Amino acid sequence: DVGSTAYSDSVKGRFSISRDNAKNTLYLEMNDLKPE
């Protein structure tokens, strides 16, 4: 839920997972993208 998240160490601080349940939609915001 909005209060329970987990991230891979490689993306912490750069990626953010979120959801809009009213839209049945999951999101992944990715910032400072790297080739890896």
ModelCIF file with pLDDT and N, C-alpha, C, O atoms, coordinates in Angstrom:
data_MODEL
#
_entry.id   MODEL 
#
_entity.id                         1 
_entity.type                       polymer 
_entity.pdbx_number_of_molecules   1 
#
_entity_poly.entity_id                      1 
_entity_poly.type                           'polypeptide(L)' 
_entity_poly.nstd_linkage                   no 
_entity_poly.nstd_monomer                   no 
_entity_poly.pdbx_seq_one_letter_code       DVGSTAYSDSVKGRFSISRDNAKNTLYLEMNDLKPE 
_entity_poly.pdbx_seq_one_letter_code_can   DVGSTAYSDSVKGRFSISRDNAKNTLYLEMNDLKPE 
_entity_poly.pdbx_strand_id                 A 
#
loop_
_entity_poly_seq.entity_id 
_entity_poly_seq.num 
_entity_poly_seq.mon_id 
_entity_poly_seq.hetero 
1 1  ASP n 
1 2  VAL n 
1 3  GLY n 
1 4  SER n 
1 5  THR n 
1 6  ALA n 
1 7  TYR n 
1 8  SER n 
1 9  ASP n 
1 10 SER n 
1 11 VAL n 
1 12 LYS n 
1 13 GLY n 
1 14 ARG n 
1 15 PHE n 
1 16 SER n 
1 17 ILE n 
1 18 SER n 
1 19 ARG n 
1 20 ASP n 
1 21 ASN n 
1 22 ALA n 
1 23 LYS n 
1 24 ASN n 
1 25 THR n 
1 26 LEU n 
1 27 TYR n 
1 28 LEU n 
1 29 GLU n 
1 30 MET n 
1 31 ASN n 
1 32 ASP n 
1 33 LEU n 
1 34 LYS n 
1 35 PRO n 
1 36 GLU n 
#
_struct_asym.id          A 
_struct_asym.entity_id   1 
#
loop_
_ma_qa_metric.id 
_ma_qa_metric.mode 
_ma_qa_metric.name 
_ma_qa_metric.software_group_id 
_ma_qa_metric.type 
1 global pLDDT . pLDDT 
2 local  pLDDT . pLDDT 
#
_ma_qa_metric_global.metric_id      1 
_ma_qa_metric_global.metric_value   94.86 
_ma_qa_metric_global.model_id       1 
_ma_qa_metric_global.ordinal_id     1 
#
loop_
_ma_qa_metric_local.label_asym_id 
_ma_qa_metric_local.label_comp_id 
_ma_qa_metric_local.label_seq_id 
_ma_qa_metric_local.metric_id 
_ma_qa_metric_local.metric_value 
_ma_qa_metric_local.model_id 
_ma_qa_metric_local.ordinal_id 
A ASP 1  2 77.00 1 1  
A VAL 2  2 68.00 1 2  
A GLY 3  2 73.00 1 3  
A SER 4  2 89.00 1 4  
A THR 5  2 95.00 1 5  
A ALA 6  2 96.00 1 6  
A TYR 7  2 97.00 1 7  
A SER 8  2 97.00 1 8  
A ASP 9  2 97.00 1 9  
A SER 10 2 97.00 1 10 
A VAL 11 2 98.00 1 11 
A LYS 12 2 98.00 1 12 
A GLY 13 2 98.00 1 13 
A ARG 14 2 98.00 1 14 
A PHE 15 2 98.00 1 15 
A SER 16 2 98.00 1 16 
A ILE 17 2 97.00 1 17 
A SER 18 2 96.00 1 18 
A ARG 19 2 95.00 1 19 
A ASP 20 2 96.00 1 20 
A ASN 21 2 95.00 1 21 
A ALA 22 2 95.00 1 22 
A LYS 23 2 97.00 1 23 
A ASN 24 2 97.00 1 24 
A THR 25 2 97.00 1 25 
A LEU 26 2 98.00 1 26 
A TYR 27 2 98.00 1 27 
A LEU 28 2 98.00 1 28 
A GLU 29 2 98.00 1 29 
A MET 30 2 98.00 1 30 
A ASN 31 2 98.00 1 31 
A ASP 32 2 98.00 1 32 
A LEU 33 2 98.00 1 33 
A LYS 34 2 98.00 1 34 
A PRO 35 2 97.00 1 35 
A GLU 36 2 97.00 1 36 
#
loop_
_atom_site.group_PDB 
_atom_site.id 
_atom_site.type_symbol 
_atom_site.label_atom_id 
_atom_site.label_alt_id 
_atom_site.label_comp_id 
_atom_site.label_asym_id 
_atom_site.label_entity_id 
_atom_site.label_seq_id 
_atom_site.pdbx_PDB_ins_code 
_atom_site.Cartn_x 
_atom_site.Cartn_y 
_atom_site.Cartn_z 
_atom_site.occupancy 
_atom_site.B_iso_or_equiv 
_atom_site.pdbx_formal_charge 
_atom_site.auth_seq_id 
_atom_site.auth_comp_id 
_atom_site.auth_asym_id 
_atom_site.auth_atom_id 
_atom_site.pdbx_PDB_model_num 
ATOM 1   N N  . ASP A 1 1  ? 0.859  -1.166 0.000   1.00 77.00 ? 1  ASP A N  1 
ATOM 2   C CA . ASP A 1 1  ? 0.000  0.000  0.000   1.00 77.00 ? 1  ASP A CA 1 
ATOM 3   C C  . ASP A 1 1  ? 0.901  1.223  0.000   1.00 77.00 ? 1  ASP A C  1 
ATOM 4   O O  . ASP A 1 1  ? 2.120  1.098  -0.117  1.00 77.00 ? 1  ASP A O  1 
ATOM 5   N N  . VAL A 1 2  ? 0.322  2.380  0.128   1.00 68.00 ? 2  VAL A N  1 
ATOM 6   C CA . VAL A 1 2  ? 1.109  3.603  0.026   1.00 68.00 ? 2  VAL A CA 1 
ATOM 7   C C  . VAL A 1 2  ? 2.124  3.745  1.149   1.00 68.00 ? 2  VAL A C  1 
ATOM 8   O O  . VAL A 1 2  ? 3.048  4.552  1.049   1.00 68.00 ? 2  VAL A O  1 
ATOM 9   N N  . GLY A 1 3  ? 1.966  2.979  2.206   1.00 73.00 ? 3  GLY A N  1 
ATOM 10  C CA . GLY A 1 3  ? 2.878  3.065  3.326   1.00 73.00 ? 3  GLY A CA 1 
ATOM 11  C C  . GLY A 1 3  ? 3.876  1.938  3.425   1.00 73.00 ? 3  GLY A C  1 
ATOM 12  O O  . GLY A 1 3  ? 4.675  1.905  4.361   1.00 73.00 ? 3  GLY A O  1 
ATOM 13  N N  . SER A 1 4  ? 3.853  1.015  2.484   1.00 89.00 ? 4  SER A N  1 
ATOM 14  C CA . SER A 1 4  ? 4.732  -0.149 2.514   1.00 89.00 ? 4  SER A CA 1 
ATOM 15  C C  . SER A 1 4  ? 5.410  -0.307 1.169   1.00 89.00 ? 4  SER A C  1 
ATOM 16  O O  . SER A 1 4  ? 4.798  -0.762 0.202   1.00 89.00 ? 4  SER A O  1 
ATOM 17  N N  . THR A 1 5  ? 6.675  0.070  1.114   1.00 95.00 ? 5  THR A N  1 
ATOM 18  C CA . THR A 1 5  ? 7.425  -0.024 -0.133  1.00 95.00 ? 5  THR A CA 1 
ATOM 19  C C  . THR A 1 5  ? 8.761  -0.695 0.096   1.00 95.00 ? 5  THR A C  1 
ATOM 20  O O  . THR A 1 5  ? 9.279  -0.709 1.212   1.00 95.00 ? 5  THR A O  1 
ATOM 21  N N  . ALA A 1 6  ? 9.310  -1.248 -0.962  1.00 96.00 ? 6  ALA A N  1 
ATOM 22  C CA . ALA A 1 6  ? 10.634 -1.849 -0.930  1.00 96.00 ? 6  ALA A CA 1 
ATOM 23  C C  . ALA A 1 6  ? 11.319 -1.553 -2.248  1.00 96.00 ? 6  ALA A C  1 
ATOM 24  O O  . ALA A 1 6  ? 10.681 -1.546 -3.301  1.00 96.00 ? 6  ALA A O  1 
ATOM 25  N N  . TYR A 1 7  ? 12.628 -1.307 -2.188  1.00 97.00 ? 7  TYR A N  1 
ATOM 26  C CA . TYR A 1 7  ? 13.396 -0.978 -3.379  1.00 97.00 ? 7  TYR A CA 1 
ATOM 27  C C  . TYR A 1 7  ? 14.687 -1.762 -3.424  1.00 97.00 ? 7  TYR A C  1 
ATOM 28  O O  . TYR A 1 7  ? 15.285 -2.078 -2.396  1.00 97.00 ? 7  TYR A O  1 
ATOM 29  N N  . SER A 1 8  ? 15.103 -2.067 -4.636  1.00 97.00 ? 8  SER A N  1 
ATOM 30  C CA . SER A 1 8  ? 16.441 -2.575 -4.842  1.00 97.00 ? 8  SER A CA 1 
ATOM 31  C C  . SER A 1 8  ? 17.445 -1.496 -4.459  1.00 97.00 ? 8  SER A C  1 
ATOM 32  O O  . SER A 1 8  ? 17.205 -0.311 -4.690  1.00 97.00 ? 8  SER A O  1 
ATOM 33  N N  . ASP A 1 9  ? 18.565 -1.901 -3.878  1.00 97.00 ? 9  ASP A N  1 
ATOM 34  C CA . ASP A 1 9  ? 19.584 -0.931 -3.488  1.00 97.00 ? 9  ASP A CA 1 
ATOM 35  C C  . ASP A 1 9  ? 20.056 -0.095 -4.672  1.00 97.00 ? 9  ASP A C  1 
ATOM 36  O O  . ASP A 1 9  ? 20.422 1.068  -4.504  1.00 97.00 ? 9  ASP A O  1 
ATOM 37  N N  . SER A 1 10 ? 20.052 -0.668 -5.847  1.00 97.00 ? 10 SER A N  1 
ATOM 38  C CA . SER A 1 10 ? 20.574 0.023  -7.011  1.00 97.00 ? 10 SER A CA 1 
ATOM 39  C C  . SER A 1 10 ? 19.691 1.174  -7.482  1.00 97.00 ? 10 SER A C  1 
ATOM 40  O O  . SER A 1 10 ? 20.139 2.016  -8.260  1.00 97.00 ? 10 SER A O  1 
ATOM 41  N N  . VAL A 1 11 ? 18.450 1.220  -7.023  1.00 98.00 ? 11 VAL A N  1 
ATOM 42  C CA . VAL A 1 11 ? 17.543 2.269  -7.482  1.00 98.00 ? 11 VAL A CA 1 
ATOM 43  C C  . VAL A 1 11 ? 17.056 3.175  -6.364  1.00 98.00 ? 11 VAL A C  1 
ATOM 44  O O  . VAL A 1 11 ? 16.342 4.144  -6.627  1.00 98.00 ? 11 VAL A O  1 
ATOM 45  N N  . LYS A 1 12 ? 17.420 2.886  -5.137  1.00 98.00 ? 12 LYS A N  1 
ATOM 46  C CA . LYS A 1 12 ? 16.977 3.714  -4.016  1.00 98.00 ? 12 LYS A CA 1 
ATOM 47  C C  . LYS A 1 12 ? 17.425 5.157  -4.209  1.00 98.00 ? 12 LYS A C  1 
ATOM 48  O O  . LYS A 1 12 ? 18.575 5.433  -4.549  1.00 98.00 ? 12 LYS A O  1 
ATOM 49  N N  . GLY A 1 13 ? 16.500 6.048  -3.985  1.00 98.00 ? 13 GLY A N  1 
ATOM 50  C CA . GLY A 1 13 ? 16.788 7.459  -4.149  1.00 98.00 ? 13 GLY A CA 1 
ATOM 51  C C  . GLY A 1 13 ? 16.584 7.969  -5.549  1.00 98.00 ? 13 GLY A C  1 
ATOM 52  O O  . GLY A 1 13 ? 16.566 9.180  -5.771  1.00 98.00 ? 13 GLY A O  1 
ATOM 53  N N  . ARG A 1 14 ? 16.429 7.065  -6.507  1.00 98.00 ? 14 ARG A N  1 
ATOM 54  C CA . ARG A 1 14 ? 16.233 7.465  -7.898  1.00 98.00 ? 14 ARG A CA 1 
ATOM 55  C C  . ARG A 1 14 ? 14.860 7.073  -8.431  1.00 98.00 ? 14 ARG A C  1 
ATOM 56  O O  . ARG A 1 14 ? 14.262 7.804  -9.221  1.00 98.00 ? 14 ARG A O  1 
ATOM 57  N N  . PHE A 1 15 ? 14.371 5.930  -8.001  1.00 98.00 ? 15 PHE A N  1 
ATOM 58  C CA . PHE A 1 15 ? 13.079 5.432  -8.465  1.00 98.00 ? 15 PHE A CA 1 
ATOM 59  C C  . PHE A 1 15 ? 12.044 5.559  -7.361  1.00 98.00 ? 15 PHE A C  1 
ATOM 60  O O  . PHE A 1 15 ? 12.372 5.539  -6.175  1.00 98.00 ? 15 PHE A O  1 
ATOM 61  N N  . SER A 1 16 ? 10.803 5.688  -7.767  1.00 98.00 ? 16 SER A N  1 
ATOM 62  C CA . SER A 1 16 ? 9.707  5.767  -6.814  1.00 98.00 ? 16 SER A CA 1 
ATOM 63  C C  . SER A 1 16 ? 8.504  5.000  -7.345  1.00 98.00 ? 16 SER A C  1 
ATOM 64  O O  . SER A 1 16 ? 8.031  5.261  -8.451  1.00 98.00 ? 16 SER A O  1 
ATOM 65  N N  . ILE A 1 17 ? 8.018  4.062  -6.561  1.00 97.00 ? 17 ILE A N  1 
ATOM 66  C CA . ILE A 1 17 ? 6.843  3.302  -6.941  1.00 97.00 ? 17 ILE A CA 1 
ATOM 67  C C  . ILE A 1 17 ? 5.618  3.942  -6.300  1.00 97.00 ? 17 ILE A C  1 
ATOM 68  O O  . ILE A 1 17 ? 5.665  4.384  -5.152  1.00 97.00 ? 17 ILE A O  1 
ATOM 69  N N  . SER A 1 18 ? 4.538  3.987  -7.041  1.00 96.00 ? 18 SER A N  1 
ATOM 70  C CA . SER A 1 18 ? 3.310  4.553  -6.520  1.00 96.00 ? 18 SER A CA 1 
ATOM 71  C C  . SER A 1 18 ? 2.130  3.897  -7.225  1.00 96.00 ? 18 SER A C  1 
ATOM 72  O O  . SER A 1 18 ? 2.299  3.169  -8.204  1.00 96.00 ? 18 SER A O  1 
ATOM 73  N N  . ARG A 1 19 ? 0.956  4.162  -6.722  1.00 95.00 ? 19 ARG A N  1 
ATOM 74  C CA . ARG A 1 19 ? -0.236 3.580  -7.327  1.00 95.00 ? 19 ARG A CA 1 
ATOM 75  C C  . ARG A 1 19 ? -1.413 4.523  -7.189  1.00 95.00 ? 19 ARG A C  1 
ATOM 76  O O  . ARG A 1 19 ? -1.508 5.290  -6.231  1.00 95.00 ? 19 ARG A O  1 
ATOM 77  N N  . ASP A 1 20 ? -2.303 4.453  -8.157  1.00 96.00 ? 20 ASP A N  1 
ATOM 78  C CA . ASP A 1 20 ? -3.556 5.171  -8.134  1.00 96.00 ? 20 ASP A CA 1 
ATOM 79  C C  . ASP A 1 20 ? -4.643 4.116  -8.243  1.00 96.00 ? 20 ASP A C  1 
ATOM 80  O O  . ASP A 1 20 ? -5.000 3.690  -9.342  1.00 96.00 ? 20 ASP A O  1 
ATOM 81  N N  . ASN A 1 21 ? -5.159 3.704  -7.116  1.00 95.00 ? 21 ASN A N  1 
ATOM 82  C CA . ASN A 1 21 ? -6.115 2.604  -7.104  1.00 95.00 ? 21 ASN A CA 1 
ATOM 83  C C  . ASN A 1 21 ? -7.399 2.941  -7.852  1.00 95.00 ? 21 ASN A C  1 
ATOM 84  O O  . ASN A 1 21 ? -8.012 2.060  -8.454  1.00 95.00 ? 21 ASN A O  1 
ATOM 85  N N  . ALA A 1 22 ? -7.809 4.188  -7.821  1.00 95.00 ? 22 ALA A N  1 
ATOM 86  C CA . ALA A 1 22 ? -9.016 4.588  -8.533  1.00 95.00 ? 22 ALA A CA 1 
ATOM 87  C C  . ALA A 1 22 ? -8.882 4.380  -10.033 1.00 95.00 ? 22 ALA A C  1 
ATOM 88  O O  . ALA A 1 22 ? -9.876 4.189  -10.734 1.00 95.00 ? 22 ALA A O  1 
ATOM 89  N N  . LYS A 1 23 ? -7.638 4.418  -10.525 1.00 97.00 ? 23 LYS A N  1 
ATOM 90  C CA . LYS A 1 23 ? -7.376 4.213  -11.946 1.00 97.00 ? 23 LYS A CA 1 
ATOM 91  C C  . LYS A 1 23 ? -6.837 2.820  -12.241 1.00 97.00 ? 23 LYS A C  1 
ATOM 92  O O  . LYS A 1 23 ? -6.479 2.522  -13.380 1.00 97.00 ? 23 LYS A O  1 
ATOM 93  N N  . ASN A 1 24 ? -6.777 1.974  -11.235 1.00 97.00 ? 24 ASN A N  1 
ATOM 94  C CA . ASN A 1 24 ? -6.253 0.612  -11.376 1.00 97.00 ? 24 ASN A CA 1 
ATOM 95  C C  . ASN A 1 24 ? -4.852 0.630  -11.971 1.00 97.00 ? 24 ASN A C  1 
ATOM 96  O O  . ASN A 1 24 ? -4.512 -0.208 -12.806 1.00 97.00 ? 24 ASN A O  1 
ATOM 97  N N  . THR A 1 25 ? -4.056 1.573  -11.541 1.00 97.00 ? 25 THR A N  1 
ATOM 98  C CA . THR A 1 25 ? -2.779 1.815  -12.202 1.00 97.00 ? 25 THR A CA 1 
ATOM 99  C C  . THR A 1 25 ? -1.617 1.855  -11.221 1.00 97.00 ? 25 THR A C  1 
ATOM 100 O O  . THR A 1 25 ? -1.704 2.437  -10.140 1.00 97.00 ? 25 THR A O  1 
ATOM 101 N N  . LEU A 1 26 ? -0.545 1.228  -11.627 1.00 98.00 ? 26 LEU A N  1 
ATOM 102 C CA . LEU A 1 26 ? 0.712  1.227  -10.907 1.00 98.00 ? 26 LEU A CA 1 
ATOM 103 C C  . LEU A 1 26 ? 1.714  2.059  -11.692 1.00 98.00 ? 26 LEU A C  1 
ATOM 104 O O  . LEU A 1 26 ? 1.719  2.030  -12.922 1.00 98.00 ? 26 LEU A O  1 
ATOM 105 N N  . TYR A 1 27 ? 2.555  2.796  -10.992 1.00 98.00 ? 27 TYR A N  1 
ATOM 106 C CA . TYR A 1 27 ? 3.543  3.650  -11.636 1.00 98.00 ? 27 TYR A CA 1 
ATOM 107 C C  . TYR A 1 27 ? 4.945  3.352  -11.127 1.00 98.00 ? 27 TYR A C  1 
ATOM 108 O O  . TYR A 1 27 ? 5.138  2.853  -10.019 1.00 98.00 ? 27 TYR A O  1 
ATOM 109 N N  . LEU A 1 28 ? 5.903  3.673  -11.964 1.00 98.00 ? 28 LEU A N  1 
ATOM 110 C CA . LEU A 1 28 ? 7.296  3.676  -11.551 1.00 98.00 ? 28 LEU A CA 1 
ATOM 111 C C  . LEU A 1 28 ? 7.937  4.933  -12.122 1.00 98.00 ? 28 LEU A C  1 
ATOM 112 O O  . LEU A 1 28 ? 8.143  5.043  -13.331 1.00 98.00 ? 28 LEU A O  1 
ATOM 113 N N  . GLU A 1 29 ? 8.247  5.869  -11.252 1.00 98.00 ? 29 GLU A N  1 
ATOM 114 C CA . GLU A 1 29 ? 8.939  7.084  -11.647 1.00 98.00 ? 29 GLU A CA 1 
ATOM 115 C C  . GLU A 1 29 ? 10.428 6.819  -11.562 1.00 98.00 ? 29 GLU A C  1 
ATOM 116 O O  . GLU A 1 29 ? 10.940 6.461  -10.501 1.00 98.00 ? 29 GLU A O  1 
ATOM 117 N N  . MET A 1 30 ? 11.117 6.992  -12.663 1.00 98.00 ? 30 MET A N  1 
ATOM 118 C CA . MET A 1 30 ? 12.536 6.709  -12.740 1.00 98.00 ? 30 MET A CA 1 
ATOM 119 C C  . MET A 1 30 ? 13.283 7.995  -13.065 1.00 98.00 ? 30 MET A C  1 
ATOM 120 O O  . MET A 1 30 ? 13.033 8.632  -14.088 1.00 98.00 ? 30 MET A O  1 
ATOM 121 N N  . ASN A 1 31 ? 14.193 8.361  -12.190 1.00 98.00 ? 31 ASN A N  1 
ATOM 122 C CA . ASN A 1 31 ? 14.975 9.576  -12.357 1.00 98.00 ? 31 ASN A CA 1 
ATOM 123 C C  . ASN A 1 31 ? 16.462 9.248  -12.387 1.00 98.00 ? 31 ASN A C  1 
ATOM 124 O O  . ASN A 1 31 ? 16.896 8.194  -11.922 1.00 98.00 ? 31 ASN A O  1 
ATOM 125 N N  . ASP A 1 32 ? 17.224 10.169 -12.939 1.00 98.00 ? 32 ASP A N  1 
ATOM 126 C CA . ASP A 1 32 ? 18.676 9.995  -13.035 1.00 98.00 ? 32 ASP A CA 1 
ATOM 127 C C  . ASP A 1 32 ? 19.011 8.614  -13.595 1.00 98.00 ? 32 ASP A C  1 
ATOM 128 O O  . ASP A 1 32 ? 19.787 7.861  -13.006 1.00 98.00 ? 32 ASP A O  1 
ATOM 129 N N  . LEU A 1 33 ? 18.425 8.306  -14.716 1.00 98.00 ? 33 LEU A N  1 
ATOM 130 C CA . LEU A 1 33 ? 18.606 6.985  -15.308 1.00 98.00 ? 33 LEU A CA 1 
ATOM 131 C C  . LEU A 1 33 ? 20.046 6.747  -15.726 1.00 98.00 ? 33 LEU A C  1 
ATOM 132 O O  . LEU A 1 33 ? 20.742 7.654  -16.183 1.00 98.00 ? 33 LEU A O  1 
ATOM 133 N N  . LYS A 1 34 ? 20.469 5.515  -15.559 1.00 98.00 ? 34 LYS A N  1 
ATOM 134 C CA . LYS A 1 34 ? 21.819 5.099  -15.885 1.00 98.00 ? 34 LYS A CA 1 
ATOM 135 C C  . LYS A 1 34 ? 21.772 3.974  -16.917 1.00 98.00 ? 34 LYS A C  1 
ATOM 136 O O  . LYS A 1 34 ? 20.765 3.274  -17.022 1.00 98.00 ? 34 LYS A O  1 
ATOM 137 N N  . PRO A 1 35 ? 22.854 3.795  -17.678 1.00 97.00 ? 35 PRO A N  1 
ATOM 138 C CA . PRO A 1 35 ? 22.858 2.711  -18.660 1.00 97.00 ? 35 PRO A CA 1 
ATOM 139 C C  . PRO A 1 35 ? 22.526 1.351  -18.057 1.00 97.00 ? 35 PRO A C  1 
ATOM 140 O O  . PRO A 1 35 ? 21.892 0.525  -18.714 1.00 97.00 ? 35 PRO A O  1 
ATOM 141 N N  . GLU A 1 36 ? 22.939 1.108  -16.831 1.00 97.00 ? 36 GLU A N  1 
ATOM 142 C CA . GLU A 1 36 ? 22.651 -0.165 -16.198 1.00 97.00 ? 36 GLU A CA 1 
ATOM 143 C C  . GLU A 1 36 ? 21.183 -0.354 -15.844 1.00 97.00 ? 36 GLU A C  1 
ATOM 144 O O  . GLU A 1 36 ? 20.807 -1.393 -15.302 1.00 97.00 ? 36 GLU A O  1 
#
